[in-house]
Protein backbone atom coordinates (compact mmCIF):
# COMPACT_ATOMS: atom_id res chain seq x y z
CA UNK A 1 -0.24 -44.93 19.54
CA UNK A 2 0.99 -41.51 20.59
CA UNK A 3 1.47 -40.60 24.21
CA UNK A 4 -1.28 -38.06 25.25
CA UNK A 5 1.17 -36.26 27.56
CA UNK A 6 3.63 -35.81 24.71
CA UNK A 7 0.89 -34.57 22.37
CA UNK A 8 -0.32 -32.12 25.01
CA UNK A 9 3.24 -30.93 25.61
CA UNK A 10 3.89 -30.48 21.87
CA UNK A 11 0.64 -28.55 21.51
CA UNK A 12 1.60 -26.30 24.44
CA UNK A 13 5.08 -25.71 22.94
CA UNK A 14 3.48 -24.68 19.60
CA UNK A 15 1.21 -22.20 21.42
CA UNK A 16 4.18 -20.71 23.28
CA UNK A 17 6.23 -20.47 20.08
CA UNK A 18 3.31 -18.63 18.39
CA UNK A 19 3.11 -16.20 21.33
CA UNK A 20 6.89 -15.64 21.23
CA UNK A 21 6.67 -14.98 17.46
CA UNK A 22 3.97 -12.34 18.09
CA UNK A 23 6.04 -10.76 20.87
CA UNK A 24 9.16 -10.60 18.69
CA UNK A 25 7.08 -8.87 15.99
CA UNK A 26 5.74 -6.34 18.53
CA UNK A 27 8.99 -5.78 20.47
CA UNK A 28 12.14 -4.96 18.53
CA UNK A 29 15.57 -4.48 20.11
CA UNK A 30 18.42 -3.20 17.95
CA UNK A 31 22.15 -3.63 18.49
CA UNK A 32 22.36 -0.23 20.23
CA UNK A 33 19.93 -1.41 22.91
CA UNK A 34 17.00 0.66 21.60
CA UNK A 35 13.63 -0.94 22.20
CA UNK A 36 10.54 -0.34 20.08
CA UNK A 37 7.11 -1.70 21.02
CA UNK A 38 4.53 -1.68 18.23
CA UNK A 39 0.92 -2.67 18.85
CA UNK A 40 -1.32 -2.79 15.77
CA UNK A 41 -4.31 -2.71 18.11
CA UNK A 42 -4.64 -1.44 21.68
CA UNK A 43 -1.75 -1.37 24.18
CA UNK A 44 -2.49 -1.82 27.86
CA UNK A 45 0.00 -1.63 30.72
CA UNK A 46 -1.27 -2.70 34.12
CA UNK A 47 0.55 -2.68 37.42
CA UNK A 48 -0.63 -4.04 40.74
CA UNK A 49 1.61 -1.58 42.60
CA UNK A 50 3.57 1.57 41.90
CA UNK A 51 4.79 2.22 38.34
CA UNK A 52 7.79 4.38 37.51
CA UNK A 53 8.79 5.63 34.08
CA UNK A 54 12.32 7.02 34.03
CA UNK A 55 13.75 8.69 30.93
CA UNK A 56 17.39 9.79 30.74
CA UNK A 57 16.85 12.41 28.02
CA UNK A 58 13.74 13.66 26.23
CA UNK A 59 10.30 12.04 26.25
CA UNK A 60 7.55 12.65 23.70
CA UNK A 61 3.98 11.40 23.91
CA UNK A 62 1.87 11.84 20.80
CA UNK A 63 -1.82 10.99 20.79
CA UNK A 64 -4.01 11.14 17.69
CA UNK A 65 -7.24 11.45 19.66
CA UNK A 66 -8.20 12.24 23.23
CA UNK A 67 -6.00 11.82 26.32
CA UNK A 68 -7.30 11.40 29.84
CA UNK A 69 -5.14 11.49 32.96
CA UNK A 70 -6.93 10.55 36.16
CA UNK A 71 -5.68 10.11 39.69
CA UNK A 72 -7.57 9.07 42.80
CA UNK A 73 -5.78 11.68 44.91
CA UNK A 74 -3.26 14.10 43.37
CA UNK A 75 -1.54 14.93 40.07
CA UNK A 76 1.67 16.92 40.27
CA UNK A 77 3.59 18.32 37.31
CA UNK A 78 7.11 19.43 38.17
CA UNK A 79 9.90 20.80 35.97
CA UNK A 80 13.25 22.36 36.85
CA UNK A 81 12.80 25.13 34.27
CA UNK A 82 9.41 25.49 32.60
CA UNK A 83 5.98 23.94 32.09
CA UNK A 84 4.13 25.23 29.03
CA UNK A 85 0.50 24.40 28.25
CA UNK A 86 -0.34 25.27 24.66
CA UNK A 87 -3.80 24.67 23.29
CA UNK A 88 -6.54 26.29 21.24
CA UNK A 89 -8.91 26.36 24.23
CA UNK A 90 -8.18 25.84 27.93
CA UNK A 91 -10.80 25.23 30.60
CA UNK A 92 -9.76 24.95 34.26
CA UNK A 93 -12.50 23.87 36.66
CA UNK A 94 -12.15 23.11 40.36
CA UNK A 95 -15.09 22.25 42.62
CA UNK A 96 -13.44 23.72 45.74
CA UNK A 97 -10.70 26.25 44.95
CA UNK A 98 -7.89 27.31 42.63
CA UNK A 99 -4.63 28.81 43.88
CA UNK A 100 -2.05 30.31 41.54
CA UNK A 101 1.17 31.37 43.23
CA UNK A 102 4.47 32.71 41.91
CA UNK A 103 7.68 33.28 43.84
CA UNK A 104 8.54 36.11 41.45
CA UNK A 105 6.34 37.83 38.86
CA UNK A 106 2.91 36.61 37.73
CA UNK A 107 1.65 37.87 34.38
CA UNK A 108 -1.74 37.21 32.79
CA UNK A 109 -2.31 38.50 29.26
CA UNK A 110 -5.28 38.40 26.91
CA UNK A 111 -4.86 39.47 23.28
CA UNK A 112 -8.52 40.49 23.18
CA UNK A 113 -10.99 40.84 26.07
CA UNK A 114 -10.54 39.72 29.68
CA UNK A 115 -13.30 39.25 32.22
CA UNK A 116 -12.82 38.79 35.95
CA UNK A 117 -16.01 37.79 37.72
CA UNK A 118 -16.79 36.85 41.30
CA UNK A 119 -20.29 35.76 42.28
CA UNK A 120 -19.68 37.05 45.82
CA UNK A 121 -16.64 39.20 46.67
CA UNK A 122 -13.70 40.38 44.53
CA UNK A 123 -10.66 41.38 46.53
CA UNK A 124 -7.49 42.86 45.05
CA UNK A 125 -4.64 43.48 47.46
CA UNK A 126 -1.16 44.86 46.74
CA UNK A 127 1.42 45.58 49.46
CA UNK A 128 3.03 48.66 47.86
CA UNK A 129 0.86 50.03 45.04
CA UNK A 130 -1.94 49.15 42.63
CA UNK A 131 -2.64 50.77 39.30
CA UNK A 132 -5.60 50.48 36.95
CA UNK A 133 -5.03 51.99 33.50
CA UNK A 134 -7.02 52.19 30.31
CA UNK A 135 -5.85 54.60 27.61
CA UNK A 136 -5.64 58.07 29.21
CA UNK A 137 -7.52 57.05 32.39
CA UNK A 138 -5.53 56.07 35.47
CA UNK A 139 -6.38 55.05 39.05
CA UNK A 140 -3.29 54.77 41.25
CA UNK A 141 -3.30 53.51 44.86
CA UNK A 142 -0.18 53.83 47.07
CA UNK A 143 0.58 52.06 50.34
CA UNK A 144 0.73 55.41 52.21
CA UNK A 145 -3.00 55.88 51.45
CA UNK A 146 -2.60 58.26 48.48
CA UNK A 147 -5.21 57.75 45.77
CA UNK A 148 -4.80 59.44 42.39
CA UNK A 149 -7.57 59.40 39.78
CA UNK A 150 -6.71 60.90 36.38
CA UNK A 151 -8.76 61.17 33.23
CA UNK A 152 -10.01 63.54 30.57
CA UNK A 153 -13.60 63.69 31.86
CA UNK A 154 -14.54 62.23 35.26
CA UNK A 155 -18.18 61.71 36.21
CA UNK A 156 -19.40 60.68 39.68
CA UNK A 157 -23.04 59.63 39.93
CA UNK A 158 -24.99 58.34 42.90
CA UNK A 159 -28.57 57.02 42.86
CA UNK A 160 -28.74 57.80 46.58
CA UNK A 161 -26.77 60.28 48.65
CA UNK A 162 -23.21 61.42 47.99
CA UNK A 163 -20.89 62.38 50.82
CA UNK A 164 -17.42 63.88 50.53
CA UNK A 165 -15.42 64.24 53.74
CA UNK A 166 -11.83 65.26 54.37
CA UNK A 167 -9.87 65.84 57.57
CA UNK A 168 -7.94 68.59 55.74
CA UNK A 169 -8.81 71.29 53.22
CA UNK A 170 -11.09 70.54 50.24
CA UNK A 171 -10.01 72.34 47.08
CA UNK A 172 -12.15 72.45 43.94
CA UNK A 173 -10.59 74.10 40.87
CA UNK A 174 -12.02 74.50 37.39
CA UNK A 175 -12.54 77.05 34.67
CA UNK A 176 -16.15 77.15 35.80
CA UNK A 177 -17.66 75.69 38.99
CA UNK A 178 -21.42 75.13 38.78
CA UNK A 179 -23.96 74.30 41.45
CA UNK A 180 -27.54 73.09 40.87
């Protein structure tokens, strides 16, 4: 009669050998030290503490479907040279605030239309000068207080009163100056 402890041990060894066979199919190491992990189904990596991924050269992540990155506190992307986000559609939503800062130049470009909307107050502030241009129309603001408005035809309309006040001379020139 066979020893039950030996049978149990042999059964356990067969189970471990089967698991090792599956692992050696999923994890391949070549002579150069390259490691490839292939999972025909799902792959899950769990860590009870901090997890670090360190890559000495380039890293590529390719996902055939959707990718979700979630953090309980903060996500930080950092690169010594450049971070590029390229997509067909980009939607940035923050429930509290969004800050975009550049130590040098900040450029925003739209190949078609651009809308800037504030439900309360829109504030634009430039230390030296601000310019708003569209075709032949130009509004130029300088830090010394000079305001220049240029255009082919300029119309000023008020549904209430209209007041013009200057501490210096007021000059109105035109080929024809009309009043009421």
